[in-house]
Amino acid sequence: MSAPLLYRGLVIVGEGNADTPNPSGGKPVHVGTGESAMIAFDERSGAIRWRTALRGSGMPTPAIVCGVLVHHDGAGRITGMDPMSGRMLYERDVHSVASMSAAVPLDKTSFVTSGVLHNAVLRVDGRNGAVVWRSDPFPNDASGIGDCPLASDGERVFGEYVVPESGNNAPIGQSVREHAFALDARSGALLWDVALESGPLPINNQAGIPVVKDGVLYVGGAAAPWANALDAKSGRVIWKTQIYGPVKGAFVIKDGIAYFGDLSGALWALDAGTGAKLGDESFPTAFNVGSPIIVGDTLVIGSFTGSVYALPLDSIRGK
C-alpha cells in the first residue's frame, strides 16, 4: 500500500489496509485490521528477502535516514529497522496515528511525519526515534493531517488539512474548507495557515499532497476542484486555477510547467508561474493519490482503476 522504496538491491514496501476499527465514529485510534508489515523484495527476482510485522497499517511510506529504515504506522508508532535484514532497532509510541502519510527526510539525521487522533506534525531523530519537536497548532475538528505526505524546502514543512464549515466532526459529504500550512523546520512553530477552497468531505484521503519547488508551494485538495500556488515563505496565494475535479495527488514540475491528474480523469498542464492552462487530456478513470513522475519527456501515472498511463508531455500540453 505504500510507495516503493529502492535500497541496495531491495524494493521495500508497506503492507496493510485502511480499515479503522472505531465503531463510535470520530477520529481513528488505529488504522489497519489485517496483516501489517514492512516487506523487502529482491529487486531483480521479486523474492521476499525479509518481512517484519507492524502493530498498525504499513500504508504510510517509509524512508531511509542515516542508514535506518524509518516508518510511522497506523498504530501511532515510529519504528526503526535495519533495512537489509528487517531487524527492529527501536519502536516509539507517539500517540498520533498515521494513515497514508509518509516519513519525509528533513536532513541527514531526522525526518518529519504527521498523524491524527492527536493531530500533530513531528520531527523525529531517525537514529533512535526520539521526537525532536511536536507541533499541533491545528483545530480539534481538523482532519486529513495524517492522510498525505508532507513537503519541505529544508527551512519549512508544508501540509494540508480540512475543517468543517459548520459544526464538529463533519460527516462525509458535508462542506469543509481546505487549509495549507507551513511550520518552521527547526522549531515546529506555525509560520502561516491559509484557507483555500471549500467542497464536500471525501471518504478517504482528505488532504492533497503538497510539492514545493523554487520557493513556491503547489497543492490541490481533496474536496474542491482547484489547483493552487502559494509563496512558500509567506503563504500568499500566487495563483489559483479552477479545474474539473479535486486533486489528491502531487504536482510534478518540469521546465516551468506543472503536470498533475484530477479525480475527474483529466491530466493537466498549467503554467507553473501563472496557473494558465496549457492543455488537458481526459481519460475514463480518476487519478487519485498516485502521484505522477516524469521520465525523460514522458509522464507516468497510476489511476483509480489500476491502469498505469504513460504519455508524452506534448500530448498533455495539446501540441
Protein backbone atom coordinates (compact mmCIF):
# COMPACT_ATOMS: atom_id res chain seq x y z
CA MET A 1 0.00 0.00 0.00
CA SER A 2 2.95 2.35 0.44
CA ALA A 3 5.07 3.87 -2.28
CA PRO A 4 8.03 1.55 -3.03
CA LEU A 5 11.44 2.38 -1.60
CA LEU A 6 14.53 1.19 -3.51
CA TYR A 7 17.63 0.49 -1.41
CA ARG A 8 20.74 -1.55 -2.19
CA GLY A 9 19.06 -4.14 -4.38
CA LEU A 10 15.85 -4.25 -2.33
CA VAL A 11 12.33 -2.99 -3.01
CA ILE A 12 10.82 -2.17 0.39
CA VAL A 13 7.04 -1.71 0.68
CA GLY A 14 4.41 -1.43 3.39
CA GLU A 15 1.60 -3.98 3.79
CA GLY A 16 -1.71 -3.07 5.43
CA ASN A 17 -5.27 -1.91 4.89
CA ALA A 18 -7.17 1.31 5.55
CA ASP A 19 -9.78 -0.22 7.88
CA THR A 20 -10.41 1.72 11.07
CA PRO A 21 -11.89 -0.28 13.97
CA ASN A 22 -13.66 2.69 15.52
CA PRO A 23 -17.41 1.96 15.72
CA SER A 24 -18.17 5.06 17.79
CA GLY A 25 -17.08 7.42 14.98
CA GLY A 26 -14.75 10.38 15.32
CA LYS A 27 -11.02 10.29 14.77
CA PRO A 28 -9.34 6.90 14.27
CA VAL A 29 -7.41 5.41 17.15
CA HIS A 30 -5.96 2.66 14.98
CA VAL A 31 -5.64 2.06 11.23
CA GLY A 32 -5.18 -1.47 9.92
CA THR A 33 -7.16 -4.61 10.78
CA GLY A 34 -5.39 -7.27 8.71
CA GLU A 35 -1.76 -8.24 8.33
CA SER A 36 0.52 -5.22 8.57
CA ALA A 37 4.23 -5.32 7.84
CA MET A 38 7.27 -3.94 6.10
CA ILE A 39 8.39 -6.32 3.35
CA ALA A 40 11.62 -6.32 1.33
CA PHE A 41 11.76 -7.96 -2.11
CA ASP A 42 14.80 -8.74 -4.19
CA GLU A 43 14.95 -6.03 -6.86
CA ARG A 44 15.83 -8.50 -9.65
CA SER A 45 13.83 -11.62 -8.81
CA GLY A 46 10.96 -10.41 -6.61
CA ALA A 47 11.81 -13.00 -3.95
CA ILE A 48 10.94 -11.95 -0.39
CA ARG A 49 14.15 -11.17 1.48
CA TRP A 50 12.53 -10.28 4.80
CA ARG A 51 9.18 -9.39 6.40
CA THR A 52 8.75 -7.55 9.73
CA ALA A 53 5.30 -7.30 11.33
CA LEU A 54 3.92 -3.92 12.44
CA ARG A 55 1.33 -3.10 15.11
CA GLY A 56 -0.67 -0.90 12.69
CA SER A 57 -1.09 -0.48 8.97
CA GLY A 58 2.03 -0.21 6.83
CA MET A 59 0.28 2.06 4.30
CA PRO A 60 2.41 5.12 5.13
CA THR A 61 5.60 5.28 3.06
CA PRO A 62 8.91 4.64 4.86
CA ALA A 63 12.27 6.33 4.32
CA ILE A 64 15.95 5.67 4.89
CA VAL A 65 17.52 8.12 7.35
CA CYS A 66 21.17 7.72 8.41
CA GLY A 67 21.06 4.08 7.33
CA VAL A 68 17.88 3.27 9.28
CA LEU A 69 14.55 2.29 7.71
CA VAL A 70 12.08 4.60 9.49
CA HIS A 71 8.31 4.28 9.46
CA HIS A 72 5.21 5.76 11.17
CA ASP A 73 2.41 3.18 11.30
CA GLY A 74 -1.35 3.04 11.77
CA ALA A 75 -0.98 2.28 15.47
CA GLY A 76 0.76 5.58 16.15
CA ARG A 77 4.23 4.10 16.47
CA ILE A 78 7.54 5.21 14.99
CA THR A 79 9.74 2.25 14.14
CA GLY A 80 13.35 1.98 13.06
CA MET A 81 14.68 -1.15 11.30
CA ASP A 82 17.83 -2.45 9.71
CA PRO A 83 16.92 -2.05 6.02
CA MET A 84 18.98 -5.07 4.94
CA SER A 85 17.58 -7.56 7.45
CA GLY A 86 14.33 -6.05 8.76
CA ARG A 87 15.57 -6.35 12.36
CA MET A 88 13.69 -3.96 14.63
CA LEU A 89 16.08 -1.39 16.14
CA TYR A 90 13.52 0.67 18.08
CA GLU A 91 9.80 1.34 18.47
CA ARG A 92 8.31 4.54 19.92
CA ASP A 93 4.63 5.28 20.62
CA VAL A 94 3.96 8.90 19.58
CA HIS A 95 0.17 8.75 20.16
CA SER A 96 -0.56 10.09 16.68
CA VAL A 97 -1.92 7.70 14.05
CA ALA A 98 -0.53 7.72 10.52
CA SER A 99 -2.86 6.70 7.72
CA MET A 100 -1.46 7.50 4.25
CA SER A 101 1.27 9.94 5.27
CA ALA A 102 4.99 9.31 4.87
CA ALA A 103 8.31 9.67 6.62
CA VAL A 104 9.92 12.62 4.80
CA PRO A 105 13.68 13.09 5.38
CA LEU A 106 14.47 16.59 6.59
CA ASP A 107 18.26 16.35 6.91
CA LYS A 108 20.89 13.63 7.33
CA THR A 109 19.61 12.50 10.73
CA SER A 110 15.91 13.41 11.04
CA PHE A 111 12.56 13.19 9.28
CA VAL A 112 9.06 14.65 9.60
CA THR A 113 5.76 12.83 9.71
CA SER A 114 2.15 13.54 10.65
CA GLY A 115 -0.83 11.82 12.23
CA VAL A 116 -4.33 12.08 13.66
CA LEU A 117 -6.15 11.16 16.90
CA HIS A 118 -3.86 13.76 18.37
CA ASN A 119 -3.43 15.94 15.26
CA ALA A 120 0.27 16.59 15.02
CA VAL A 121 3.33 17.01 12.86
CA LEU A 122 6.50 15.56 14.35
CA ARG A 123 10.19 15.87 13.66
CA VAL A 124 11.93 12.64 14.68
CA ASP A 125 15.58 11.64 15.08
CA GLY A 126 16.00 8.69 12.71
CA ARG A 127 18.87 7.22 14.73
CA ASN A 128 16.82 6.44 17.82
CA GLY A 129 13.20 7.52 17.24
CA ALA A 130 13.35 10.43 19.70
CA VAL A 131 10.87 13.24 18.98
CA VAL A 132 12.81 16.45 18.26
CA TRP A 133 9.65 18.55 18.26
CA ARG A 134 5.92 18.03 18.12
CA SER A 135 3.67 20.68 16.56
CA ASP A 136 -0.11 20.68 16.98
CA PRO A 137 -1.46 24.16 16.09
CA PHE A 138 -4.47 22.63 14.31
CA PRO A 139 -8.17 22.92 15.19
CA ASN A 140 -9.59 19.98 17.13
CA ASP A 141 -12.04 19.23 14.31
CA ALA A 142 -9.35 19.25 11.59
CA SER A 143 -8.96 16.07 9.55
CA GLY A 144 -6.68 14.80 6.80
CA ILE A 145 -3.44 15.72 8.57
CA GLY A 146 -2.27 12.10 8.60
CA ASP A 147 -3.53 11.31 5.10
CA CYS A 148 -0.80 12.66 2.83
CA PRO A 149 2.97 13.16 2.82
CA LEU A 150 4.34 16.49 3.97
CA ALA A 151 6.73 18.59 1.88
CA SER A 152 9.81 20.56 2.92
CA ASP A 153 12.30 23.00 1.45
CA GLY A 154 14.70 22.46 4.38
CA GLU A 155 13.57 25.61 6.19
CA ARG A 156 9.84 24.96 6.34
CA VAL A 157 7.49 21.97 6.49
CA PHE A 158 4.26 22.13 4.49
CA GLY A 159 0.98 20.25 4.66
CA GLU A 160 -2.75 20.45 4.15
CA TYR A 161 -5.89 19.65 6.17
CA VAL A 162 -9.64 20.33 6.12
CA VAL A 163 -12.07 21.72 8.73
CA PRO A 164 -15.89 21.63 8.73
CA GLU A 165 -17.58 24.86 7.72
CA SER A 166 -20.30 24.24 10.31
CA GLY A 167 -20.31 22.02 13.38
CA ASN A 168 -17.73 19.48 14.52
CA ASN A 169 -16.68 16.10 13.11
CA ALA A 170 -18.08 16.72 9.64
CA PRO A 171 -19.81 13.68 8.11
CA ILE A 172 -18.82 12.51 4.65
CA GLY A 173 -20.21 14.88 2.03
CA GLN A 174 -20.53 17.89 4.35
CA SER A 175 -18.83 21.09 3.25
CA VAL A 176 -15.28 21.55 4.51
CA ARG A 177 -12.66 24.24 3.99
CA GLU A 178 -9.19 23.24 2.80
CA HIS A 179 -6.16 24.78 4.53
CA ALA A 180 -2.47 24.81 3.61
CA PHE A 181 0.10 25.46 6.33
CA ALA A 182 3.82 25.93 6.94
CA LEU A 183 5.84 25.12 10.06
CA ASP A 184 9.36 26.17 10.96
CA ALA A 185 11.57 23.14 10.33
CA ARG A 186 13.84 23.91 13.31
CA SER A 187 11.21 24.50 15.97
CA GLY A 188 7.87 23.31 14.61
CA ALA A 189 6.35 26.78 15.15
CA LEU A 190 3.44 27.68 12.89
CA LEU A 191 4.57 30.19 10.26
CA TRP A 192 1.34 30.54 8.31
CA ASP A 193 -2.03 28.87 7.75
CA VAL A 194 -4.06 29.83 4.68
CA ALA A 195 -7.70 28.95 3.99
CA LEU A 196 -8.28 27.75 0.43
CA GLU A 197 -11.44 26.48 -1.28
CA SER A 198 -14.49 24.63 0.07
CA GLY A 199 -16.09 21.39 -1.07
CA PRO A 200 -17.66 18.12 0.16
CA LEU A 201 -15.61 15.95 2.52
CA PRO A 202 -14.45 12.76 0.72
CA ILE A 203 -14.47 9.30 2.29
CA ASN A 204 -10.72 8.71 2.08
CA ASN A 205 -7.58 10.80 1.64
CA GLN A 206 -8.97 14.06 2.92
CA ALA A 207 -5.96 16.21 2.01
CA GLY A 208 -3.93 16.90 -1.10
CA ILE A 209 -0.21 16.17 -1.44
CA PRO A 210 1.90 19.37 -1.41
CA VAL A 211 5.02 19.92 -3.51
CA VAL A 212 7.50 22.78 -3.07
CA LYS A 213 9.88 23.97 -5.77
CA ASP A 214 11.86 27.19 -6.21
CA GLY A 215 10.07 28.97 -3.37
CA VAL A 216 6.55 28.03 -4.48
CA LEU A 217 4.17 25.55 -2.83
CA TYR A 218 1.90 23.73 -5.28
CA VAL A 219 -1.16 21.95 -3.88
CA GLY A 220 -4.59 20.85 -5.00
CA GLY A 221 -7.05 19.50 -2.47
CA ALA A 222 -9.30 16.53 -1.78
CA ALA A 223 -12.56 18.49 -1.62
CA ALA A 224 -12.59 21.24 -4.26
CA PRO A 225 -11.66 21.32 -7.99
CA TRP A 226 -8.87 23.89 -7.78
CA ALA A 227 -5.10 23.99 -8.23
CA ASN A 228 -3.15 26.47 -6.08
CA ALA A 229 0.32 28.00 -5.97
CA LEU A 230 1.42 29.79 -2.79
CA ASP A 231 4.55 31.68 -1.82
CA ALA A 232 6.41 29.23 0.39
CA LYS A 233 7.72 31.92 2.74
CA SER A 234 4.54 33.94 3.35
CA GLY A 235 1.64 31.72 2.26
CA ARG A 236 0.45 34.39 -0.18
CA VAL A 237 -1.65 32.88 -2.96
CA ILE A 238 0.22 33.46 -6.23
CA TRP A 239 -2.46 31.93 -8.43
CA LYS A 240 -5.40 29.56 -8.31
CA THR A 241 -6.95 27.79 -11.29
CA GLN A 242 -10.30 26.04 -11.40
CA ILE A 243 -10.13 22.57 -12.94
CA TYR A 244 -12.55 19.65 -13.43
CA GLY A 245 -12.08 17.67 -10.22
CA PRO A 246 -10.24 17.70 -6.87
CA VAL A 247 -6.50 16.93 -6.89
CA LYS A 248 -5.34 14.47 -4.23
CA GLY A 249 -2.03 13.58 -5.88
CA ALA A 250 1.07 15.72 -6.15
CA PHE A 251 2.12 18.05 -8.95
CA VAL A 252 5.31 17.40 -10.89
CA ILE A 253 7.12 20.45 -12.28
CA LYS A 254 9.34 20.49 -15.36
CA ASP A 255 10.55 23.41 -17.50
CA GLY A 256 8.13 25.82 -15.84
CA ILE A 257 5.08 23.60 -16.35
CA ALA A 258 3.01 21.90 -13.63
CA TYR A 259 1.58 18.48 -14.55
CA PHE A 260 -0.99 16.59 -12.46
CA GLY A 261 -4.12 14.46 -12.60
CA ASP A 262 -7.54 15.09 -11.04
CA LEU A 263 -10.45 12.98 -9.82
CA SER A 264 -12.47 13.66 -12.98
CA GLY A 265 -9.92 11.71 -15.02
CA ALA A 266 -8.13 14.69 -16.54
CA LEU A 267 -4.38 15.16 -16.83
CA TRP A 268 -3.36 18.82 -16.76
CA ALA A 269 -0.53 21.06 -17.87
CA LEU A 270 -0.53 24.53 -16.29
CA ASP A 271 2.00 27.33 -16.49
CA ALA A 272 3.78 27.00 -13.14
CA GLY A 273 4.27 30.75 -12.86
CA THR A 274 0.77 31.97 -13.73
CA GLY A 275 -1.58 28.98 -13.49
CA ALA A 276 -2.66 29.49 -17.10
CA LYS A 277 -3.99 26.35 -18.76
CA LEU A 278 -1.64 24.98 -21.41
CA GLY A 279 -3.61 21.81 -22.08
CA ASP A 280 -5.54 18.88 -20.64
CA GLU A 281 -6.41 15.35 -21.70
CA SER A 282 -9.28 13.24 -20.31
CA PHE A 283 -9.36 9.51 -19.58
CA PRO A 284 -12.03 7.02 -18.38
CA THR A 285 -10.59 6.78 -14.87
CA ALA A 286 -9.97 9.03 -11.90
CA PHE A 287 -6.42 9.97 -10.95
CA ASN A 288 -6.40 9.57 -7.18
CA VAL A 289 -3.37 9.76 -4.85
CA GLY A 290 -0.96 8.01 -7.23
CA SER A 291 1.28 10.98 -7.98
CA PRO A 292 2.90 11.29 -11.44
CA ILE A 293 6.57 11.08 -12.29
CA ILE A 294 8.37 12.30 -15.42
CA VAL A 295 10.84 10.03 -17.18
CA GLY A 296 12.56 11.93 -19.99
CA ASP A 297 9.67 13.58 -21.85
CA THR A 298 7.07 11.07 -20.68
CA LEU A 299 4.63 11.42 -17.79
CA VAL A 300 3.84 8.17 -15.95
CA ILE A 301 0.87 7.99 -13.55
CA GLY A 302 -1.27 5.34 -11.88
CA SER A 303 -5.05 5.56 -11.76
CA PHE A 304 -8.01 4.72 -9.56
CA THR A 305 -8.97 1.72 -11.72
CA GLY A 306 -5.48 0.20 -11.58
CA SER A 307 -4.31 1.20 -15.05
CA VAL A 308 -0.93 2.87 -15.48
CA TYR A 309 -0.62 5.53 -18.17
CA ALA A 310 2.49 6.79 -19.94
CA LEU A 311 2.00 9.87 -22.10
CA PRO A 312 4.27 12.26 -23.99
CA LEU A 313 4.31 15.62 -22.24
CA ASP A 314 3.49 17.25 -25.58
CA SER A 315 0.17 15.43 -25.75
CA ILE A 316 -0.95 16.83 -22.38
CA ARG A 317 0.06 20.31 -23.48
CA GLY A 318 -2.03 19.82 -26.63
CA LYS A 319 0.92 20.08 -29.04
